[in-house]
Amino acid sequence: AGLTKRSLFDPSCTGVFDRQLLRRLRRVCDDCFNVFREPNVSTECRSNCYNNEVFRQCMEYLLPPHLHEEHRLAVQMVGK
């Protein structure tokens, strides 16, 4: 069941399975998609478990600087 639950979130994330962290990271991608309306933003933002340039750009664009480090750490935790 763990694997199914995990894959409902983001199959590329093989680190800590933390629903809240994953939800927060996904929200950055969703908000980014809503702002830019580029079809590939959502997919690219989630690729490699959020450890990518698109996610970083979305985060810098959408989030106040004091939250950047927190999100970077979250990416490391849920990633490999």
PDB file of N, CA and C in Angstrom:
ATOM      1  N   ALA A   1       0.826  -1.207   0.000  1.00  0.00           N
ATOM      2  CA  ALA A   1       0.000   0.000   0.000  1.00  0.00           C
ATOM      3  C   ALA A   1       0.861   1.258   0.000  1.00  0.00           C
ATOM      4  N   GLY A   2       2.029   1.193   0.675  1.00  0.00           N
ATOM      5  CA  GLY A   2       2.915   2.353   0.749  1.00  0.00           C
ATOM      6  C   GLY A   2       3.307   2.862  -0.620  1.00  0.00           C
ATOM      7  N   LEU A   3       3.612   1.923  -1.516  1.00  0.00           N
ATOM      8  CA  LEU A   3       4.078   2.307  -2.845  1.00  0.00           C
ATOM      9  C   LEU A   3       2.962   3.011  -3.617  1.00  0.00           C
ATOM     10  N   THR A   4       1.759   2.490  -3.512  1.00  0.00           N
ATOM     11  CA  THR A   4       0.625   3.081  -4.214  1.00  0.00           C
ATOM     12  C   THR A   4       0.382   4.494  -3.716  1.00  0.00           C
ATOM     13  N   LYS A   5       0.395   4.645  -2.400  1.00  0.00           N
ATOM     14  CA  LYS A   5       0.178   5.951  -1.804  1.00  0.00           C
ATOM     15  C   LYS A   5       1.229   6.927  -2.309  1.00  0.00           C
ATOM     16  N   ARG A   6       2.474   6.470  -2.296  1.00  0.00           N
ATOM     17  CA  ARG A   6       3.585   7.312  -2.732  1.00  0.00           C
ATOM     18  C   ARG A   6       3.409   7.713  -4.191  1.00  0.00           C
ATOM     19  N   SER A   7       3.040   6.764  -5.045  1.00  0.00           N
ATOM     20  CA  SER A   7       2.957   7.071  -6.475  1.00  0.00           C
ATOM     21  C   SER A   7       1.796   8.012  -6.788  1.00  0.00           C
ATOM     22  N   LEU A   8       0.794   8.058  -5.915  1.00  0.00           N
ATOM     23  CA  LEU A   8      -0.278   9.035  -6.092  1.00  0.00           C
ATOM     24  C   LEU A   8       0.290  10.437  -5.963  1.00  0.00           C
ATOM     25  N   PHE A   9       1.340  10.549  -5.178  1.00  0.00           N
ATOM     26  CA  PHE A   9       1.980  11.846  -5.028  1.00  0.00           C
ATOM     27  C   PHE A   9       2.978  12.020  -6.153  1.00  0.00           C
ATOM     28  N   ASP A  10       4.201  11.638  -5.963  1.00  0.00           N
ATOM     29  CA  ASP A  10       5.200  11.852  -6.992  1.00  0.00           C
ATOM     30  C   ASP A  10       6.161  10.682  -7.035  1.00  0.00           C
ATOM     31  N   PRO A  11       6.007   9.836  -8.035  1.00  0.00           N
ATOM     32  CA  PRO A  11       6.802   8.606  -8.113  1.00  0.00           C
ATOM     33  C   PRO A  11       8.306   8.856  -8.169  1.00  0.00           C
ATOM     34  N   SER A  12       8.727  10.048  -8.591  1.00  0.00           N
ATOM     35  CA  SER A  12      10.166  10.297  -8.656  1.00  0.00           C
ATOM     36  C   SER A  12      10.753  10.601  -7.278  1.00  0.00           C
ATOM     37  N   CYS A  13       9.899  10.777  -6.282  1.00  0.00           N
ATOM     38  CA  CYS A  13      10.381  11.072  -4.930  1.00  0.00           C
ATOM     39  C   CYS A  13      10.586   9.779  -4.161  1.00  0.00           C
ATOM     40  N   THR A  14      11.841   9.474  -3.873  1.00  0.00           N
ATOM     41  CA  THR A  14      12.113   8.205  -3.205  1.00  0.00           C
ATOM     42  C   THR A  14      12.687   8.403  -1.810  1.00  0.00           C
ATOM     43  N   GLY A  15      12.697   9.645  -1.338  1.00  0.00           N
ATOM     44  CA  GLY A  15      13.207   9.916   0.004  1.00  0.00           C
ATOM     45  C   GLY A  15      12.104   9.743   1.031  1.00  0.00           C
ATOM     46  N   VAL A  16      12.097  10.615   2.014  1.00  0.00           N
ATOM     47  CA  VAL A  16      11.098  10.580   3.075  1.00  0.00           C
ATOM     48  C   VAL A  16       9.709  10.793   2.466  1.00  0.00           C
ATOM     49  N   PHE A  17       8.763   9.920   2.829  1.00  0.00           N
ATOM     50  CA  PHE A  17       7.396  10.123   2.346  1.00  0.00           C
ATOM     51  C   PHE A  17       6.662  10.982   3.366  1.00  0.00           C
ATOM     52  N   ASP A  18       6.598  12.259   3.093  1.00  0.00           N
ATOM     53  CA  ASP A  18       5.942  13.197   3.995  1.00  0.00           C
ATOM     54  C   ASP A  18       4.861  13.922   3.210  1.00  0.00           C
ATOM     55  N   ARG A  19       3.635  13.531   3.464  1.00  0.00           N
ATOM     56  CA  ARG A  19       2.509  14.034   2.684  1.00  0.00           C
ATOM     57  C   ARG A  19       2.449  15.563   2.698  1.00  0.00           C
ATOM     58  N   GLN A  20       2.710  16.148   3.858  1.00  0.00           N
ATOM     59  CA  GLN A  20       2.616  17.604   3.974  1.00  0.00           C
ATOM     60  C   GLN A  20       3.683  18.309   3.146  1.00  0.00           C
ATOM     61  N   LEU A  21       4.907  17.803   3.218  1.00  0.00           N
ATOM     62  CA  LEU A  21       5.992  18.402   2.428  1.00  0.00           C
ATOM     63  C   LEU A  21       5.693  18.276   0.949  1.00  0.00           C
ATOM     64  N   LEU A  22       5.261  17.092   0.538  1.00  0.00           N
ATOM     65  CA  LEU A  22       4.975  16.863  -0.880  1.00  0.00           C
ATOM     66  C   LEU A  22       3.857  17.782  -1.353  1.00  0.00           C
ATOM     67  N   ARG A  23       2.872  17.965  -0.490  1.00  0.00           N
ATOM     68  CA  ARG A  23       1.752  18.835  -0.840  1.00  0.00           C
ATOM     69  C   ARG A  23       2.238  20.278  -1.022  1.00  0.00           C
ATOM     70  N   ARG A  24       3.123  20.694  -0.134  1.00  0.00           N
ATOM     71  CA  ARG A  24       3.642  22.056  -0.203  1.00  0.00           C
ATOM     72  C   ARG A  24       4.455  22.265  -1.484  1.00  0.00           C
ATOM     73  N   LEU A  25       5.278  21.283  -1.833  1.00  0.00           N
ATOM     74  CA  LEU A  25       6.096  21.388  -3.040  1.00  0.00           C
ATOM     75  C   LEU A  25       5.211  21.382  -4.278  1.00  0.00           C
ATOM     76  N   ARG A  26       4.205  20.519  -4.241  1.00  0.00           N
ATOM     77  CA  ARG A  26       3.298  20.438  -5.385  1.00  0.00           C
ATOM     78  C   ARG A  26       2.542  21.752  -5.567  1.00  0.00           C
ATOM     79  N   ARG A  27       2.192  22.390  -4.454  1.00  0.00           N
ATOM     80  CA  ARG A  27       1.455  23.652  -4.533  1.00  0.00           C
ATOM     81  C   ARG A  27       2.274  24.718  -5.260  1.00  0.00           C
ATOM     82  N   VAL A  28       3.594  24.726  -5.034  1.00  0.00           N
ATOM     83  CA  VAL A  28       4.453  25.680  -5.745  1.00  0.00           C
ATOM     84  C   VAL A  28       4.296  25.466  -7.246  1.00  0.00           C
ATOM     85  N   CYS A  29       4.322  24.200  -7.669  1.00  0.00           N
ATOM     86  CA  CYS A  29       4.197  23.890  -9.101  1.00  0.00           C
ATOM     87  C   CYS A  29       2.815  24.257  -9.635  1.00  0.00           C
ATOM     88  N   ASP A  30       1.784  23.958  -8.849  1.00  0.00           N
ATOM     89  CA  ASP A  30       0.418  24.279  -9.284  1.00  0.00           C
ATOM     90  C   ASP A  30       0.233  25.789  -9.428  1.00  0.00           C
ATOM     91  N   ASP A  31       0.721  26.532  -8.438  1.00  0.00           N
ATOM     92  CA  ASP A  31       0.594  27.989  -8.487  1.00  0.00           C
ATOM     93  C   ASP A  31       1.372  28.544  -9.670  1.00  0.00           C
ATOM     94  N   CYS A  32       2.528  27.973  -9.901  1.00  0.00           N
ATOM     95  CA  CYS A  32       3.372  28.419 -11.003  1.00  0.00           C
ATOM     96  C   CYS A  32       2.645  28.189 -12.332  1.00  0.00           C
ATOM     97  N   PHE A  33       2.045  27.036 -12.458  1.00  0.00           N
ATOM     98  CA  PHE A  33       1.284  26.719 -13.667  1.00  0.00           C
ATOM     99  C   PHE A  33       0.132  27.709 -13.845  1.00  0.00           C
ATOM    100  N   ASN A  34      -0.551  28.028 -12.753  1.00  0.00           N
ATOM    101  CA  ASN A  34      -1.677  28.962 -12.822  1.00  0.00           C
ATOM    102  C   ASN A  34      -1.239  30.361 -13.230  1.00  0.00           C
ATOM    103  N   VAL A  35      -0.034  30.738 -12.857  1.00  0.00           N
ATOM    104  CA  VAL A  35       0.480  32.059 -13.214  1.00  0.00           C
ATOM    105  C   VAL A  35       0.909  32.097 -14.676  1.00  0.00           C
ATOM    106  N   PHE A  36       1.685  31.096 -15.083  1.00  0.00           N
ATOM    107  CA  PHE A  36       2.296  31.164 -16.411  1.00  0.00           C
ATOM    108  C   PHE A  36       1.491  30.481 -17.512  1.00  0.00           C
ATOM    109  N   ARG A  37       0.591  29.572 -17.105  1.00  0.00           N
ATOM    110  CA  ARG A  37      -0.269  28.886 -18.082  1.00  0.00           C
ATOM    111  C   ARG A  37       0.508  28.197 -19.207  1.00  0.00           C
ATOM    112  N   GLU A  38       1.691  27.724 -18.881  1.00  0.00           N
ATOM    113  CA  GLU A  38       2.475  26.957 -19.853  1.00  0.00           C
ATOM    114  C   GLU A  38       2.231  25.489 -19.549  1.00  0.00           C
ATOM    115  N   PRO A  39       1.780  24.705 -20.528  1.00  0.00           N
ATOM    116  CA  PRO A  39       1.424  23.309 -20.253  1.00  0.00           C
ATOM    117  C   PRO A  39       2.574  22.490 -19.665  1.00  0.00           C
ATOM    118  N   ASN A  40       3.803  22.785 -20.042  1.00  0.00           N
ATOM    119  CA  ASN A  40       4.898  21.957 -19.552  1.00  0.00           C
ATOM    120  C   ASN A  40       5.432  22.393 -18.189  1.00  0.00           C
ATOM    121  N   VAL A  41       5.005  23.549 -17.690  1.00  0.00           N
ATOM    122  CA  VAL A  41       5.512  24.028 -16.402  1.00  0.00           C
ATOM    123  C   VAL A  41       5.208  23.030 -15.298  1.00  0.00           C
ATOM    124  N   SER A  42       3.973  22.564 -15.249  1.00  0.00           N
ATOM    125  CA  SER A  42       3.562  21.658 -14.187  1.00  0.00           C
ATOM    126  C   SER A  42       4.392  20.375 -14.182  1.00  0.00           C
ATOM    127  N   THR A  43       4.570  19.776 -15.342  1.00  0.00           N
ATOM    128  CA  THR A  43       5.320  18.526 -15.453  1.00  0.00           C
ATOM    129  C   THR A  43       6.792  18.733 -15.152  1.00  0.00           C
ATOM    130  N   GLU A  44       7.369  19.750 -15.762  1.00  0.00           N
ATOM    131  CA  GLU A  44       8.799  19.987 -15.560  1.00  0.00           C
ATOM    132  C   GLU A  44       9.102  20.381 -14.126  1.00  0.00           C
ATOM    133  N   CYS A  45       8.199  21.117 -13.513  1.00  0.00           N
ATOM    134  CA  CYS A  45       8.389  21.566 -12.138  1.00  0.00           C
ATOM    135  C   CYS A  45       8.469  20.370 -11.183  1.00  0.00           C
ATOM    136  N   ARG A  46       7.718  19.308 -11.484  1.00  0.00           N
ATOM    137  CA  ARG A  46       7.703  18.123 -10.619  1.00  0.00           C
ATOM    138  C   ARG A  46       8.796  17.111 -10.953  1.00  0.00           C
ATOM    139  N   SER A  47       9.457  17.291 -12.106  1.00  0.00           N
ATOM    140  CA  SER A  47      10.406  16.270 -12.543  1.00  0.00           C
ATOM    141  C   SER A  47      11.570  16.142 -11.565  1.00  0.00           C
ATOM    142  N   ASN A  48      12.147  14.946 -11.515  1.00  0.00           N
ATOM    143  CA  ASN A  48      13.276  14.665 -10.621  1.00  0.00           C
ATOM    144  C   ASN A  48      12.935  15.059  -9.185  1.00  0.00           C
ATOM    145  N   CYS A  49      11.713  14.807  -8.792  1.00  0.00           N
ATOM    146  CA  CYS A  49      11.236  15.115  -7.440  1.00  0.00           C
ATOM    147  C   CYS A  49      11.513  16.571  -7.054  1.00  0.00           C
ATOM    148  N   TYR A  50      11.120  17.472  -7.909  1.00  0.00           N
ATOM    149  CA  TYR A  50      11.201  18.914  -7.653  1.00  0.00           C
ATOM    150  C   TYR A  50      12.625  19.465  -7.648  1.00  0.00           C
ATOM    151  N   ASN A  51      13.603  18.599  -7.904  1.00  0.00           N
ATOM    152  CA  ASN A  51      14.991  19.069  -7.895  1.00  0.00           C
ATOM    153  C   ASN A  51      15.371  19.483  -9.310  1.00  0.00           C
ATOM    154  N   ASN A  52      14.881  20.626  -9.730  1.00  0.00           N
ATOM    155  CA  ASN A  52      15.118  21.081 -11.098  1.00  0.00           C
ATOM    156  C   ASN A  52      15.018  22.605 -11.183  1.00  0.00           C
ATOM    157  N   GLU A  53      15.461  23.118 -12.297  1.00  0.00           N
ATOM    158  CA  GLU A  53      15.542  24.568 -12.494  1.00  0.00           C
ATOM    159  C   GLU A  53      14.155  25.223 -12.511  1.00  0.00           C
ATOM    160  N   VAL A  54      13.178  24.552 -13.108  1.00  0.00           N
ATOM    161  CA  VAL A  54      11.826  25.127 -13.189  1.00  0.00           C
ATOM    162  C   VAL A  54      11.255  25.322 -11.788  1.00  0.00           C
ATOM    163  N   PHE A  55      11.410  24.300 -10.936  1.00  0.00           N
ATOM    164  CA  PHE A  55      10.916  24.433  -9.560  1.00  0.00           C
ATOM    165  C   PHE A  55      11.605  25.599  -8.856  1.00  0.00           C
ATOM    166  N   ARG A  56      12.922  25.683  -9.016  1.00  0.00           N
ATOM    167  CA  ARG A  56      13.664  26.772  -8.363  1.00  0.00           C
ATOM    168  C   ARG A  56      13.167  28.138  -8.839  1.00  0.00           C
ATOM    169  N   GLN A  57      12.943  28.257 -10.133  1.00  0.00           N
ATOM    170  CA  GLN A  57      12.463  29.542 -10.662  1.00  0.00           C
ATOM    171  C   GLN A  57      11.062  29.853 -10.152  1.00  0.00           C
ATOM    172  N   CYS A  58      10.211  28.850 -10.111  1.00  0.00           N
ATOM    173  CA  CYS A  58       8.848  29.045  -9.590  1.00  0.00           C
ATOM    174  C   CYS A  58       8.905  29.490  -8.135  1.00  0.00           C
ATOM    175  N   MET A  59       9.730  28.791  -7.358  1.00  0.00           N
ATOM    176  CA  MET A  59       9.862  29.100  -5.939  1.00  0.00           C
ATOM    177  C   MET A  59      10.334  30.544  -5.756  1.00  0.00           C
ATOM    178  N   GLU A  60      11.343  30.947  -6.517  1.00  0.00           N
ATOM    179  CA  GLU A  60      11.870  32.303  -6.375  1.00  0.00           C
ATOM    180  C   GLU A  60      10.848  33.346  -6.813  1.00  0.00           C
ATOM    181  N   TYR A  61      10.048  32.997  -7.793  1.00  0.00           N
ATOM    182  CA  TYR A  61       9.041  33.924  -8.295  1.00  0.00           C
ATOM    183  C   TYR A  61       7.859  34.054  -7.327  1.00  0.00           C
ATOM    184  N   LEU A  62       7.440  32.933  -6.751  1.00  0.00           N
ATOM    185  CA  LEU A  62       6.199  32.908  -5.977  1.00  0.00           C
ATOM    186  C   LEU A  62       6.367  33.104  -4.479  1.00  0.00           C
ATOM    187  N   LEU A  63       7.491  32.678  -3.940  1.00  0.00           N
ATOM    188  CA  LEU A  63       7.625  32.658  -2.487  1.00  0.00           C
ATOM    189  C   LEU A  63       8.536  33.767  -1.980  1.00  0.00           C
ATOM    190  N   PRO A  64       8.215  34.298  -0.808  1.00  0.00           N
ATOM    191  CA  PRO A  64       9.113  35.286  -0.204  1.00  0.00           C
ATOM    192  C   PRO A  64      10.459  34.623   0.129  1.00  0.00           C
ATOM    193  N   PRO A  65      11.552  35.375   0.020  1.00  0.00           N
ATOM    194  CA  PRO A  65      12.890  34.801   0.205  1.00  0.00           C
ATOM    195  C   PRO A  65      13.079  33.998   1.492  1.00  0.00           C
ATOM    196  N   HIS A  66      12.416  34.394   2.585  1.00  0.00           N
ATOM    197  CA  HIS A  66      12.639  33.664   3.835  1.00  0.00           C
ATOM    198  C   HIS A  66      12.086  32.235   3.789  1.00  0.00           C
ATOM    199  N   LEU A  67      11.311  31.897   2.778  1.00  0.00           N
ATOM    200  CA  LEU A  67      10.790  30.527   2.661  1.00  0.00           C
ATOM    201  C   LEU A  67      11.610  29.659   1.705  1.00  0.00           C
ATOM    202  N   HIS A  68      12.537  30.256   0.985  1.00  0.00           N
ATOM    203  CA  HIS A  68      13.299  29.497  -0.013  1.00  0.00           C
ATOM    204  C   HIS A  68      14.085  28.346   0.606  1.00  0.00           C
ATOM    205  N   GLU A  69      14.811  28.634   1.686  1.00  0.00           N
ATOM    206  CA  GLU A  69      15.657  27.609   2.296  1.00  0.00           C
ATOM    207  C   GLU A  69      14.806  26.432   2.779  1.00  0.00           C
ATOM    208  N   GLU A  70      13.692  26.750   3.413  1.00  0.00           N
ATOM    209  CA  GLU A  70      12.762  25.729   3.908  1.00  0.00           C
ATOM    210  C   GLU A  70      12.314  24.799   2.770  1.00  0.00           C
ATOM    211  N   HIS A  71      12.013  25.367   1.628  1.00  0.00           N
ATOM    212  CA  HIS A  71      11.567  24.567   0.486  1.00  0.00           C
ATOM    213  C   HIS A  71      12.714  23.774  -0.129  1.00  0.00           C
ATOM    214  N   ARG A  72      13.916  24.370  -0.126  1.00  0.00           N
ATOM    215  CA  ARG A  72      15.082  23.629  -0.631  1.00  0.00           C
ATOM    216  C   ARG A  72      15.348  22.398   0.229  1.00  0.00           C
ATOM    217  N   LEU A  73      15.231  22.561   1.538  1.00  0.00           N
ATOM    218  CA  LEU A  73      15.437  21.431   2.451  1.00  0.00           C
ATOM    219  C   LEU A  73      14.360  20.373   2.237  1.00  0.00           C
ATOM    220  N   ALA A  74      13.140  20.812   2.016  1.00  0.00           N
ATOM    221  CA  ALA A  74      12.042  19.874   1.761  1.00  0.00           C
ATOM    222  C   ALA A  74      12.334  19.049   0.514  1.00  0.00           C
ATOM    223  N   VAL A  75      12.841  19.697  -0.533  1.00  0.00           N
ATOM    224  CA  VAL A  75      13.175  18.990  -1.771  1.00  0.00           C
ATOM    225  C   VAL A  75      14.231  17.928  -1.489  1.00  0.00           C
ATOM    226  N   GLN A  76      15.219  18.264  -0.672  1.00  0.00           N
ATOM    227  CA  GLN A  76      16.262  17.293  -0.341  1.00  0.00           C
ATOM    228  C   GLN A  76      15.693  16.124   0.447  1.00  0.00           C
ATOM    229  N   MET A  77      14.763  16.406   1.351  1.00  0.00           N
ATOM    230  CA  MET A  77      14.198  15.339   2.183  1.00  0.00           C
ATOM    231  C   MET A  77      13.373  14.338   1.385  1.00  0.00           C
ATOM    232  N   VAL A  78      12.514  14.842   0.511  1.00  0.00           N
ATOM    233  CA  VAL A  78      11.627  13.931  -0.216  1.00  0.00           C
ATOM    234  C   VAL A  78      12.307  13.323  -1.434  1.00  0.00           C
ATOM    235  N   GLY A  79      13.427  13.917  -1.824  1.00  0.00           N
ATOM    236  CA  GLY A  79      14.171  13.404  -2.979  1.00  0.00           C
ATOM    237  C   GLY A  79      14.959  12.164  -2.615  1.00  0.00           C
ATOM    238  N   LYS A  80      15.984  11.882  -3.401  1.00  0.00           N
ATOM    239  CA  LYS A  80      16.720  10.641  -3.188  1.00  0.00           C
ATOM    240  C   LYS A  80      17.600  10.698  -1.961  1.00  0.00           C
TER     241      LYS A  80
END
